[in-house]
Amino acid sequence: MLQQDAENYFQAKIDQDIKIEPKDWMPEAYRKTNIRQISQHAHSEIVGMLPEGNWITRAPTLKRKAILLAKVQDEAGHGLYLYAAAETLGISRDEMINDLHSGKAKYSSIFNYPTLTWADIGTIGWLVDGAAIINQVMLTRTSYGPYARAMVRICKEESFHQRQGFESLLVLSKGSAAQQAMCQDAINRWWWPALMMFGPKDSESTNSDQSMKWKIKRKTNDELRQQFVDMCAEQVKLLGMTLPDEKLHWNAQRGHYDFGEINWDEFWNVVKGNGPCNTERLAARRKAHEEGQWVREAAMAYAKKRSTAPPGEGLVRA
């Protein structure tokens, strides 16, 4: 099949909403775009464990500690699903991890901000996981089959995380004056970084048009961001709190909330590695990887021993 014929056939499948599978022919640019997006998503799940893990030992109650432990464990699982999905495109897990540790690969800029108080954990659940859901529900319909299928379970769990985060903030919002102030402060600090999670505005998103044509994405960055603002502007009323944007108001003509301009200088500064916690996050991941080397070696040695064991011999008994 000629290259142009192959590309036409590929695009026809996309247009008919037929999923692309690992053994199907695909343009190299499609493969690379998916590797970049899926691996970046996986990295975000793994790095995203760090700011929340910082509060596991300081959770205010045993119940909150158990909830947070379960959530961080879920995020590790999400990273696993996504790395596995990316591997179907011909890239190894080691290569993806090395790209993360070298700074070549990116992860969501939101995780380069510090968690200063317990209210930050609830706010991450409400705003950060809420923004993730807006983006990820769209990805359950992405054109690459393994990615779309991985997102189904991830979305179910992220939805639970978002509700749990909101419930945690609701408790604080009904508490003492100090707790209410802590809740509002966390919302103030996380609101704008949460809006940045959807990426640059459409006019500066270099990959958006092609990703939309290939149905890797179904909505643009600005469309998703508007959907998120509309959702949060209503939900915050239930908390009795406010969003830190004086320009936020309902526009009846548009049928959406208008909102202020994001500090794009801050966004690009964090993306380029100069955020409050960029260095700390990567250092923590490199350290964990190095200290876990013996576990990986032991697992590989055990797998090799099992593969060469005579038939009938199962697990090695102590």
C-alpha atoms as a PDB file:
ATOM      1  CA  MET A   1       0.000   0.000   0.000  1.00  0.00           C
ATOM      2  CA  LEU A   2       1.362   3.387  -0.973  1.00  0.00           C
ATOM      3  CA  GLN A   3       2.068   5.890   1.803  1.00  0.00           C
ATOM      4  CA  GLN A   4      -0.708   8.255   0.731  1.00  0.00           C
ATOM      5  CA  ASP A   5      -3.206   5.395   0.419  1.00  0.00           C
ATOM      6  CA  ALA A   6      -2.245   4.190   3.898  1.00  0.00           C
ATOM      7  CA  GLU A   7      -2.703   7.663   5.365  1.00  0.00           C
ATOM      8  CA  ASN A   8      -6.085   8.041   3.673  1.00  0.00           C
ATOM      9  CA  TYR A   9      -7.232   4.662   4.993  1.00  0.00           C
ATOM     10  CA  PHE A  10      -5.973   5.546   8.474  1.00  0.00           C
ATOM     11  CA  GLN A  11      -7.813   8.881   8.504  1.00  0.00           C
ATOM     12  CA  ALA A  12     -10.981   7.200   7.220  1.00  0.00           C
ATOM     13  CA  LYS A  13     -10.906   4.872  10.239  1.00  0.00           C
ATOM     14  CA  ILE A  14     -10.446   7.861  12.532  1.00  0.00           C
ATOM     15  CA  ASP A  15     -13.362   9.683  10.894  1.00  0.00           C
ATOM     16  CA  GLN A  16     -15.573   6.621  11.428  1.00  0.00           C
ATOM     17  CA  ASP A  17     -14.565   6.442  15.120  1.00  0.00           C
ATOM     18  CA  ILE A  18     -12.847   3.082  14.651  1.00  0.00           C
ATOM     19  CA  LYS A  19     -10.197   2.645  17.327  1.00  0.00           C
ATOM     20  CA  ILE A  20      -6.565   2.396  16.271  1.00  0.00           C
ATOM     21  CA  GLU A  21      -4.909  -0.673  17.806  1.00  0.00           C
ATOM     22  CA  PRO A  22      -1.201  -1.394  18.424  1.00  0.00           C
ATOM     23  CA  LYS A  23      -0.705  -3.645  15.377  1.00  0.00           C
ATOM     24  CA  ASP A  24      -2.522  -1.278  12.999  1.00  0.00           C
ATOM     25  CA  TRP A  25      -0.559   0.860  10.586  1.00  0.00           C
ATOM     26  CA  MET A  26      -0.303   4.436  11.809  1.00  0.00           C
ATOM     27  CA  PRO A  27       1.633   7.550  10.762  1.00  0.00           C
ATOM     28  CA  GLU A  28       4.848   7.969  12.700  1.00  0.00           C
ATOM     29  CA  ALA A  29       3.699  11.394  13.864  1.00  0.00           C
ATOM     30  CA  TYR A  30       0.527   9.828  15.318  1.00  0.00           C
ATOM     31  CA  ARG A  31       2.608   7.269  17.197  1.00  0.00           C
ATOM     32  CA  LYS A  32       4.974   9.918  18.563  1.00  0.00           C
ATOM     33  CA  THR A  33       2.122  12.242  19.567  1.00  0.00           C
ATOM     34  CA  ASN A  34       0.468   9.460  21.530  1.00  0.00           C
ATOM     35  CA  ILE A  35       3.737   8.452  23.183  1.00  0.00           C
ATOM     36  CA  ARG A  36       4.316  12.054  24.248  1.00  0.00           C
ATOM     37  CA  GLN A  37       0.797  12.522  25.586  1.00  0.00           C
ATOM     38  CA  ILE A  38       0.379   9.131  27.289  1.00  0.00           C
ATOM     39  CA  SER A  39       3.835   9.132  28.881  1.00  0.00           C
ATOM     40  CA  GLN A  40       3.350  12.723  30.078  1.00  0.00           C
ATOM     41  CA  HIS A  41       0.056  11.628  31.608  1.00  0.00           C
ATOM     42  CA  ALA A  42       1.749   8.655  33.297  1.00  0.00           C
ATOM     43  CA  HIS A  43       4.546  10.853  34.637  1.00  0.00           C
ATOM     44  CA  SER A  44       1.944  13.247  36.035  1.00  0.00           C
ATOM     45  CA  GLU A  45       0.259  10.449  37.974  1.00  0.00           C
ATOM     46  CA  ILE A  46       3.560   9.299  39.482  1.00  0.00           C
ATOM     47  CA  VAL A  47       4.946  12.747  40.289  1.00  0.00           C
ATOM     48  CA  GLY A  48       1.477  13.706  41.536  1.00  0.00           C
ATOM     49  CA  MET A  49       1.870  11.209  44.371  1.00  0.00           C
ATOM     50  CA  LEU A  50       4.579  13.378  45.937  1.00  0.00           C
ATOM     51  CA  PRO A  51       2.717  16.510  47.144  1.00  0.00           C
ATOM     52  CA  GLU A  52      -0.031  14.356  48.677  1.00  0.00           C
ATOM     53  CA  GLY A  53       2.341  11.742  50.065  1.00  0.00           C
ATOM     54  CA  ASN A  54       3.918  14.589  52.000  1.00  0.00           C
ATOM     55  CA  TRP A  55       0.776  14.684  54.198  1.00  0.00           C
ATOM     56  CA  ILE A  56       0.184  10.973  54.845  1.00  0.00           C
ATOM     57  CA  THR A  57       1.965  11.028  58.193  1.00  0.00           C
ATOM     58  CA  ARG A  58       0.329  14.336  59.162  1.00  0.00           C
ATOM     59  CA  ALA A  59      -3.302  13.628  58.292  1.00  0.00           C
ATOM     60  CA  PRO A  60      -5.564  14.912  61.099  1.00  0.00           C
ATOM     61  CA  THR A  61      -7.412  11.627  61.703  1.00  0.00           C
ATOM     62  CA  LEU A  62      -6.972   7.922  61.019  1.00  0.00           C
ATOM     63  CA  LYS A  63      -9.896   8.092  58.585  1.00  0.00           C
ATOM     64  CA  ARG A  64      -8.242  10.878  56.590  1.00  0.00           C
ATOM     65  CA  LYS A  65      -4.944   9.000  56.595  1.00  0.00           C
ATOM     66  CA  ALA A  66      -6.586   5.844  55.225  1.00  0.00           C
ATOM     67  CA  ILE A  67      -8.357   7.842  52.511  1.00  0.00           C
ATOM     68  CA  LEU A  68      -5.147   9.592  51.482  1.00  0.00           C
ATOM     69  CA  LEU A  69      -3.174   6.330  51.435  1.00  0.00           C
ATOM     70  CA  ALA A  70      -5.793   4.767  49.178  1.00  0.00           C
ATOM     71  CA  LYS A  71      -5.765   7.768  46.869  1.00  0.00           C
ATOM     72  CA  VAL A  72      -1.990   7.792  46.481  1.00  0.00           C
ATOM     73  CA  GLN A  73      -2.130   4.062  45.778  1.00  0.00           C
ATOM     74  CA  ASP A  74      -4.748   4.680  43.081  1.00  0.00           C
ATOM     75  CA  GLU A  75      -2.457   7.207  41.431  1.00  0.00           C
ATOM     76  CA  ALA A  76       0.370   4.673  41.314  1.00  0.00           C
ATOM     77  CA  GLY A  77      -2.034   2.310  39.576  1.00  0.00           C
ATOM     78  CA  HIS A  78      -2.998   4.986  37.070  1.00  0.00           C
ATOM     79  CA  GLY A  79       0.654   5.477  36.215  1.00  0.00           C
ATOM     80  CA  LEU A  80       1.015   1.726  35.682  1.00  0.00           C
ATOM     81  CA  TYR A  81      -1.979   1.540  33.309  1.00  0.00           C
ATOM     82  CA  LEU A  82      -0.673   4.475  31.305  1.00  0.00           C
ATOM     83  CA  TYR A  83       2.932   3.288  31.057  1.00  0.00           C
ATOM     84  CA  ALA A  84       1.580  -0.061  29.851  1.00  0.00           C
ATOM     85  CA  ALA A  85      -0.579   1.706  27.244  1.00  0.00           C
ATOM     86  CA  ALA A  86       2.404   3.720  26.006  1.00  0.00           C
ATOM     87  CA  GLU A  87       4.532   0.562  25.748  1.00  0.00           C
ATOM     88  CA  THR A  88       2.132  -0.788  23.102  1.00  0.00           C
ATOM     89  CA  LEU A  89       3.452   1.989  20.846  1.00  0.00           C
ATOM     90  CA  GLY A  90       6.979   0.582  20.913  1.00  0.00           C
ATOM     91  CA  ILE A  91       8.638   2.591  23.660  1.00  0.00           C
ATOM     92  CA  SER A  92      10.102   0.892  26.738  1.00  0.00           C
ATOM     93  CA  ARG A  93       9.277   1.708  30.341  1.00  0.00           C
ATOM     94  CA  ASP A  94      12.962   2.402  31.011  1.00  0.00           C
ATOM     95  CA  GLU A  95      13.142   4.932  28.182  1.00  0.00           C
ATOM     96  CA  MET A  96      10.095   6.795  29.469  1.00  0.00           C
ATOM     97  CA  ILE A  97      11.449   6.883  33.022  1.00  0.00           C
ATOM     98  CA  ASN A  98      14.850   8.058  31.823  1.00  0.00           C
ATOM     99  CA  ASP A  99      13.209  10.851  29.816  1.00  0.00           C
ATOM    100  CA  LEU A 100      11.368  11.960  32.957  1.00  0.00           C
ATOM    101  CA  HIS A 101      14.471  11.921  35.137  1.00  0.00           C
ATOM    102  CA  SER A 102      16.575  13.766  32.564  1.00  0.00           C
ATOM    103  CA  GLY A 103      13.979  16.516  32.228  1.00  0.00           C
ATOM    104  CA  LYS A 104      13.316  15.672  28.572  1.00  0.00           C
ATOM    105  CA  ALA A 105       9.752  14.534  29.270  1.00  0.00           C
ATOM    106  CA  LYS A 106       7.219  16.814  30.935  1.00  0.00           C
ATOM    107  CA  TYR A 107       4.507  16.245  33.488  1.00  0.00           C
ATOM    108  CA  SER A 108       1.616  18.442  34.600  1.00  0.00           C
ATOM    109  CA  SER A 109       2.822  21.810  35.862  1.00  0.00           C
ATOM    110  CA  ILE A 110       0.350  21.657  38.775  1.00  0.00           C
ATOM    111  CA  PHE A 111       2.559  19.243  40.697  1.00  0.00           C
ATOM    112  CA  ASN A 112       5.344  21.790  40.979  1.00  0.00           C
ATOM    113  CA  TYR A 113       3.448  23.706  43.644  1.00  0.00           C
ATOM    114  CA  PRO A 114       3.849  22.943  47.382  1.00  0.00           C
ATOM    115  CA  THR A 115       1.204  21.569  49.741  1.00  0.00           C
ATOM    116  CA  LEU A 116       1.432  23.978  52.687  1.00  0.00           C
ATOM    117  CA  THR A 117      -1.594  22.997  54.787  1.00  0.00           C
ATOM    118  CA  TRP A 118      -4.025  20.124  55.198  1.00  0.00           C
ATOM    119  CA  ALA A 119      -6.603  22.136  53.223  1.00  0.00           C
ATOM    120  CA  ASP A 120      -4.326  21.813  50.191  1.00  0.00           C
ATOM    121  CA  ILE A 121      -5.069  18.073  50.093  1.00  0.00           C
ATOM    122  CA  GLY A 122      -8.798  18.669  49.834  1.00  0.00           C
ATOM    123  CA  THR A 123      -8.255  21.424  47.285  1.00  0.00           C
ATOM    124  CA  ILE A 124      -6.113  19.152  45.146  1.00  0.00           C
ATOM    125  CA  GLY A 125      -8.929  16.624  45.204  1.00  0.00           C
ATOM    126  CA  TRP A 126     -11.550  19.181  44.251  1.00  0.00           C
ATOM    127  CA  LEU A 127      -9.657  21.364  41.770  1.00  0.00           C
ATOM    128  CA  VAL A 128      -6.756  19.276  40.454  1.00  0.00           C
ATOM    129  CA  ASP A 129      -8.648  16.000  40.180  1.00  0.00           C
ATOM    130  CA  GLY A 130     -11.679  17.962  38.986  1.00  0.00           C
ATOM    131  CA  ALA A 131      -9.629  19.454  36.151  1.00  0.00           C
ATOM    132  CA  ALA A 132      -8.212  16.016  35.399  1.00  0.00           C
ATOM    133  CA  ILE A 133     -11.715  14.555  35.092  1.00  0.00           C
ATOM    134  CA  ILE A 134     -12.775  17.254  32.627  1.00  0.00           C
ATOM    135  CA  ASN A 135      -9.810  16.337  30.431  1.00  0.00           C
ATOM    136  CA  GLN A 136      -9.882  12.585  30.987  1.00  0.00           C
ATOM    137  CA  VAL A 137     -13.556  11.918  30.294  1.00  0.00           C
ATOM    138  CA  MET A 138     -12.789  13.231  26.816  1.00  0.00           C
ATOM    139  CA  LEU A 139      -9.902  10.760  26.599  1.00  0.00           C
ATOM    140  CA  THR A 140     -12.161   7.736  27.100  1.00  0.00           C
ATOM    141  CA  ARG A 141     -13.128   8.469  23.482  1.00  0.00           C
ATOM    142  CA  THR A 142      -9.614   9.101  22.196  1.00  0.00           C
ATOM    143  CA  SER A 143      -8.768   7.317  18.949  1.00  0.00           C
ATOM    144  CA  TYR A 144      -5.972   5.081  20.289  1.00  0.00           C
ATOM    145  CA  GLY A 145      -7.615   1.983  21.773  1.00  0.00           C
ATOM    146  CA  PRO A 146      -5.270   1.088  24.674  1.00  0.00           C
ATOM    147  CA  TYR A 147      -5.286   4.687  25.932  1.00  0.00           C
ATOM    148  CA  ALA A 148      -9.073   5.006  25.711  1.00  0.00           C
ATOM    149  CA  ARG A 149      -9.621   1.747  27.598  1.00  0.00           C
ATOM    150  CA  ALA A 150      -7.146   2.648  30.336  1.00  0.00           C
ATOM    151  CA  MET A 151      -8.996   5.916  30.878  1.00  0.00           C
ATOM    152  CA  VAL A 152     -12.310   4.238  31.715  1.00  0.00           C
ATOM    153  CA  ARG A 153     -11.158   2.920  35.091  1.00  0.00           C
ATOM    154  CA  ILE A 154      -8.981   5.957  35.760  1.00  0.00           C
ATOM    155  CA  CYS A 155     -11.952   8.294  35.299  1.00  0.00           C
ATOM    156  CA  LYS A 156     -14.076   6.301  37.733  1.00  0.00           C
ATOM    157  CA  GLU A 157     -11.385   6.551  40.397  1.00  0.00           C
ATOM    158  CA  GLU A 158     -10.600  10.204  39.716  1.00  0.00           C
ATOM    159  CA  SER A 159     -14.289  11.027  40.063  1.00  0.00           C
ATOM    160  CA  PHE A 160     -14.252   9.464  43.515  1.00  0.00           C
ATOM    161  CA  HIS A 161     -11.109  11.435  44.409  1.00  0.00           C
ATOM    162  CA  GLN A 162     -12.773  14.679  43.343  1.00  0.00           C
ATOM    163  CA  ARG A 163     -15.841  14.037  45.489  1.00  0.00           C
ATOM    164  CA  GLN A 164     -13.685  13.069  48.452  1.00  0.00           C
ATOM    165  CA  GLY A 165     -11.629  16.271  48.117  1.00  0.00           C
ATOM    166  CA  PHE A 166     -14.747  18.401  47.977  1.00  0.00           C
ATOM    167  CA  GLU A 167     -16.147  16.646  51.063  1.00  0.00           C
ATOM    168  CA  SER A 168     -12.920  17.370  52.940  1.00  0.00           C
ATOM    169  CA  LEU A 169     -13.185  21.069  52.076  1.00  0.00           C
ATOM    170  CA  LEU A 170     -16.865  21.080  53.023  1.00  0.00           C
ATOM    171  CA  VAL A 171     -15.936  19.888  56.521  1.00  0.00           C
ATOM    172  CA  LEU A 172     -13.357  22.670  56.837  1.00  0.00           C
ATOM    173  CA  SER A 173     -15.787  25.268  55.476  1.00  0.00           C
ATOM    174  CA  LYS A 174     -18.203  24.443  58.314  1.00  0.00           C
ATOM    175  CA  GLY A 175     -15.492  24.444  60.965  1.00  0.00           C
ATOM    176  CA  SER A 176     -13.796  27.143  63.012  1.00  0.00           C
ATOM    177  CA  ALA A 177     -12.803  30.540  61.671  1.00  0.00           C
ATOM    178  CA  ALA A 178      -9.223  29.296  61.372  1.00  0.00           C
ATOM    179  CA  GLN A 179     -10.336  26.255  59.382  1.00  0.00           C
ATOM    180  CA  GLN A 180     -12.451  28.383  57.079  1.00  0.00           C
ATOM    181  CA  ALA A 181      -9.544  30.748  56.515  1.00  0.00           C
ATOM    182  CA  MET A 182      -7.260  27.776  55.744  1.00  0.00           C
ATOM    183  CA  CYS A 183      -9.814  26.471  53.244  1.00  0.00           C
ATOM    184  CA  GLN A 184     -10.088  29.831  51.452  1.00  0.00           C
ATOM    185  CA  ASP A 185      -6.314  30.281  51.408  1.00  0.00           C
ATOM    186  CA  ALA A 186      -5.807  26.889  49.750  1.00  0.00           C
ATOM    187  CA  ILE A 187      -8.427  27.677  47.106  1.00  0.00           C
ATOM    188  CA  ASN A 188      -6.744  31.030  46.438  1.00  0.00           C
ATOM    189  CA  ARG A 189      -3.355  29.386  45.872  1.00  0.00           C
ATOM    190  CA  TRP A 190      -4.507  26.443  43.743  1.00  0.00           C
ATOM    191  CA  TRP A 191      -7.140  28.064  41.518  1.00  0.00           C
ATOM    192  CA  TRP A 192      -4.909  29.622  38.883  1.00  0.00           C
ATOM    193  CA  PRO A 193      -2.454  26.678  38.668  1.00  0.00           C
ATOM    194  CA  ALA A 194      -5.504  24.428  38.204  1.00  0.00           C
ATOM    195  CA  LEU A 195      -6.608  26.532  35.221  1.00  0.00           C
ATOM    196  CA  MET A 196      -3.104  26.154  33.788  1.00  0.00           C
ATOM    197  CA  MET A 197      -3.510  22.354  33.795  1.00  0.00           C
ATOM    198  CA  PHE A 198      -5.378  22.516  30.493  1.00  0.00           C
ATOM    199  CA  GLY A 199      -2.264  23.777  28.762  1.00  0.00           C
ATOM    200  CA  PRO A 200      -1.599  26.904  26.711  1.00  0.00           C
ATOM    201  CA  LYS A 201      -4.420  28.852  25.101  1.00  0.00           C
ATOM    202  CA  ASP A 202      -5.509  27.477  21.753  1.00  0.00           C
ATOM    203  CA  SER A 203      -3.696  30.157  19.751  1.00  0.00           C
ATOM    204  CA  GLU A 204      -0.383  28.955  21.232  1.00  0.00           C
ATOM    205  CA  SER A 205      -1.053  25.198  21.265  1.00  0.00           C
ATOM    206  CA  THR A 206       1.117  23.896  18.428  1.00  0.00           C
ATOM    207  CA  ASN A 207      -0.180  20.315  18.443  1.00  0.00           C
ATOM    208  CA  SER A 208      -3.872  20.958  18.987  1.00  0.00           C
ATOM    209  CA  ASP A 209      -5.136  21.073  15.379  1.00  0.00           C
ATOM    210  CA  GLN A 210      -3.510  17.793  14.362  1.00  0.00           C
ATOM    211  CA  SER A 211      -4.538  16.082  17.589  1.00  0.00           C
ATOM    212  CA  MET A 212      -8.122  17.146  16.949  1.00  0.00           C
ATOM    213  CA  LYS A 213      -7.999  15.816  13.373  1.00  0.00           C
ATOM    214  CA  TRP A 214      -6.711  12.467  14.626  1.00  0.00           C
ATOM    215  CA  LYS A 215      -9.245  12.549  17.489  1.00  0.00           C
ATOM    216  CA  ILE A 216      -6.503  12.095  20.039  1.00  0.00           C
ATOM    217  CA  LYS A 217      -8.229  15.097  21.599  1.00  0.00           C
ATOM    218  CA  ARG A 218     -11.932  15.782  21.241  1.00  0.00           C
ATOM    219  CA  LYS A 219     -11.995  19.293  22.670  1.00  0.00           C
ATOM    220  CA  THR A 220      -9.491  22.156  22.658  1.00  0.00           C
ATOM    221  CA  ASN A 221      -7.630  23.443  25.713  1.00  0.00           C
ATOM    222  CA  ASP A 222      -9.800  26.544  25.953  1.00  0.00           C
ATOM    223  CA  GLU A 223     -13.035  24.576  25.608  1.00  0.00           C
ATOM    224  CA  LEU A 224     -12.028  22.274  28.454  1.00  0.00           C
ATOM    225  CA  ARG A 225     -10.883  25.203  30.593  1.00  0.00           C
ATOM    226  CA  GLN A 226     -14.235  26.951  30.123  1.00  0.00           C
ATOM    227  CA  GLN A 227     -16.080  23.775  31.118  1.00  0.00           C
ATOM    228  CA  PHE A 228     -13.987  23.584  34.291  1.00  0.00           C
ATOM    229  CA  VAL A 229     -14.620  27.224  35.224  1.00  0.00           C
ATOM    230  CA  ASP A 230     -18.362  26.807  34.720  1.00  0.00           C
ATOM    231  CA  MET A 231     -18.366  23.762  37.007  1.00  0.00           C
ATOM    232  CA  CYS A 232     -16.253  25.227  39.812  1.00  0.00           C
ATOM    233  CA  ALA A 233     -17.969  28.620  39.837  1.00  0.00           C
ATOM    234  CA  GLU A 234     -21.154  26.847  40.924  1.00  0.00           C
ATOM    235  CA  GLN A 235     -19.579  24.285  43.252  1.00  0.00           C
ATOM    236  CA  VAL A 236     -17.665  26.896  45.249  1.00  0.00           C
ATOM    237  CA  LYS A 237     -20.980  28.411  46.331  1.00  0.00           C
ATOM    238  CA  LEU A 238     -21.744  25.213  48.280  1.00  0.00           C
ATOM    239  CA  LEU A 239     -18.530  25.746  50.230  1.00  0.00           C
ATOM    240  CA  GLY A 240     -19.388  29.337  51.074  1.00  0.00           C
ATOM    241  CA  MET A 241     -16.003  30.279  49.617  1.00  0.00           C
ATOM    242  CA  THR A 242     -14.978  32.386  46.629  1.00  0.00           C
ATOM    243  CA  LEU A 243     -12.685  31.906  43.665  1.00  0.00           C
ATOM    244  CA  PRO A 244      -9.812  34.448  43.517  1.00  0.00           C
ATOM    245  CA  ASP A 245     -10.899  36.159  40.311  1.00  0.00           C
ATOM    246  CA  GLU A 246     -12.563  39.578  40.346  1.00  0.00           C
ATOM    247  CA  LYS A 247     -13.515  39.181  36.681  1.00  0.00           C
ATOM    248  CA  LEU A 248     -15.455  35.971  37.256  1.00  0.00           C
ATOM    249  CA  HIS A 249     -19.124  36.529  36.434  1.00  0.00           C
ATOM    250  CA  TRP A 250     -21.949  34.833  34.572  1.00  0.00           C
ATOM    251  CA  ASN A 251     -22.374  35.933  30.973  1.00  0.00           C
ATOM    252  CA  ALA A 252     -25.984  35.209  30.038  1.00  0.00           C
ATOM    253  CA  GLN A 253     -25.342  35.986  26.379  1.00  0.00           C
ATOM    254  CA  ARG A 254     -22.579  33.390  26.092  1.00  0.00           C
ATOM    255  CA  GLY A 255     -24.158  30.958  28.541  1.00  0.00           C
ATOM    256  CA  HIS A 256     -20.805  30.639  30.324  1.00  0.00           C
ATOM    257  CA  TYR A 257     -18.792  32.316  33.060  1.00  0.00           C
ATOM    258  CA  ASP A 258     -16.330  34.980  31.989  1.00  0.00           C
ATOM    259  CA  PHE A 259     -13.038  34.858  33.873  1.00  0.00           C
ATOM    260  CA  GLY A 260      -9.733  36.674  34.125  1.00  0.00           C
ATOM    261  CA  GLU A 261      -6.500  36.134  32.245  1.00  0.00           C
ATOM    262  CA  ILE A 262      -4.061  33.458  33.369  1.00  0.00           C
ATOM    263  CA  ASN A 263      -0.512  34.546  34.190  1.00  0.00           C
ATOM    264  CA  TRP A 264       1.061  32.872  31.182  1.00  0.00           C
ATOM    265  CA  ASP A 265       4.553  34.000  32.157  1.00  0.00           C
ATOM    266  CA  GLU A 266       4.204  31.931  35.327  1.00  0.00           C
ATOM    267  CA  PHE A 267       2.826  28.979  33.338  1.00  0.00           C
ATOM    268  CA  TRP A 268       5.740  28.873  30.907  1.00  0.00           C
ATOM    269  CA  ASN A 269       8.250  29.445  33.696  1.00  0.00           C
ATOM    270  CA  VAL A 270       6.981  26.372  35.547  1.00  0.00           C
ATOM    271  CA  VAL A 271       6.839  24.299  32.350  1.00  0.00           C
ATOM    272  CA  LYS A 272      10.473  25.177  31.672  1.00  0.00           C
ATOM    273  CA  GLY A 273      11.478  23.809  35.079  1.00  0.00           C
ATOM    274  CA  ASN A 274      11.571  26.947  37.198  1.00  0.00           C
ATOM    275  CA  GLY A 275       8.514  26.408  39.392  1.00  0.00           C
ATOM    276  CA  PRO A 276       8.542  26.320  43.213  1.00  0.00           C
ATOM    277  CA  CYS A 277       9.088  22.544  43.399  1.00  0.00           C
ATOM    278  CA  ASN A 278      10.432  21.400  40.006  1.00  0.00           C
ATOM    279  CA  THR A 279      13.887  20.552  41.318  1.00  0.00           C
ATOM    280  CA  GLU A 280      12.508  18.911  44.455  1.00  0.00           C
ATOM    281  CA  ARG A 281      10.044  16.717  42.539  1.00  0.00           C
ATOM    282  CA  LEU A 282      12.589  15.373  40.057  1.00  0.00           C
ATOM    283  CA  ALA A 283      15.156  14.803  42.797  1.00  0.00           C
ATOM    284  CA  ALA A 284      12.617  12.764  44.755  1.00  0.00           C
ATOM    285  CA  ARG A 285      11.777  10.634  41.713  1.00  0.00           C
ATOM    286  CA  ARG A 286      15.426  10.009  40.872  1.00  0.00           C
ATOM    287  CA  LYS A 287      16.174   9.042  44.479  1.00  0.00           C
ATOM    288  CA  ALA A 288      13.240   6.613  44.618  1.00  0.00           C
ATOM    289  CA  HIS A 289      14.310   5.055  41.311  1.00  0.00           C
ATOM    290  CA  GLU A 290      17.894   4.579  42.424  1.00  0.00           C
ATOM    291  CA  GLU A 291      16.941   3.145  45.807  1.00  0.00           C
ATOM    292  CA  GLY A 292      14.486   0.754  44.160  1.00  0.00           C
ATOM    293  CA  GLN A 293      17.063  -0.692  41.770  1.00  0.00           C
ATOM    294  CA  TRP A 294      17.642  -3.774  43.956  1.00  0.00           C
ATOM    295  CA  VAL A 295      13.910  -4.544  43.935  1.00  0.00           C
ATOM    296  CA  ARG A 296      13.783  -4.460  40.136  1.00  0.00           C
ATOM    297  CA  GLU A 297      16.877  -6.650  39.886  1.00  0.00           C
ATOM    298  CA  ALA A 298      15.466  -9.163  42.366  1.00  0.00           C
ATOM    299  CA  ALA A 299      12.144  -9.303  40.514  1.00  0.00           C
ATOM    300  CA  MET A 300      13.890  -9.872  37.181  1.00  0.00           C
ATOM    301  CA  ALA A 301      16.110 -12.592  38.669  1.00  0.00           C
ATOM    302  CA  TYR A 302      13.088 -14.335  40.166  1.00  0.00           C
ATOM    303  CA  ALA A 303      11.172 -14.119  36.882  1.00  0.00           C
ATOM    304  CA  LYS A 304      14.152 -15.603  35.023  1.00  0.00           C
ATOM    305  CA  LYS A 305      14.466 -18.426  37.569  1.00  0.00           C
ATOM    306  CA  ARG A 306      10.779 -19.282  37.215  1.00  0.00           C
ATOM    307  CA  SER A 307      10.970 -19.254  33.406  1.00  0.00           C
ATOM    308  CA  THR A 308      13.802 -21.826  33.422  1.00  0.00           C
ATOM    309  CA  ALA A 309      12.414 -24.057  36.185  1.00  0.00           C
ATOM    310  CA  PRO A 310      11.443 -27.624  35.173  1.00  0.00           C
ATOM    311  CA  PRO A 311       7.722 -28.209  34.527  1.00  0.00           C
ATOM    312  CA  GLY A 312       5.738 -28.712  37.711  1.00  0.00           C
ATOM    313  CA  GLU A 313       8.023 -26.645  39.892  1.00  0.00           C
ATOM    314  CA  GLY A 314       6.156 -23.558  40.993  1.00  0.00           C
ATOM    315  CA  LEU A 315       7.098 -20.858  43.450  1.00  0.00           C
ATOM    316  CA  VAL A 316      10.307 -21.303  45.368  1.00  0.00           C
ATOM    317  CA  ARG A 317       9.431 -22.326  48.910  1.00  0.00           C
ATOM    318  CA  ALA A 318      11.386 -21.096  51.897  1.00  0.00           C
END
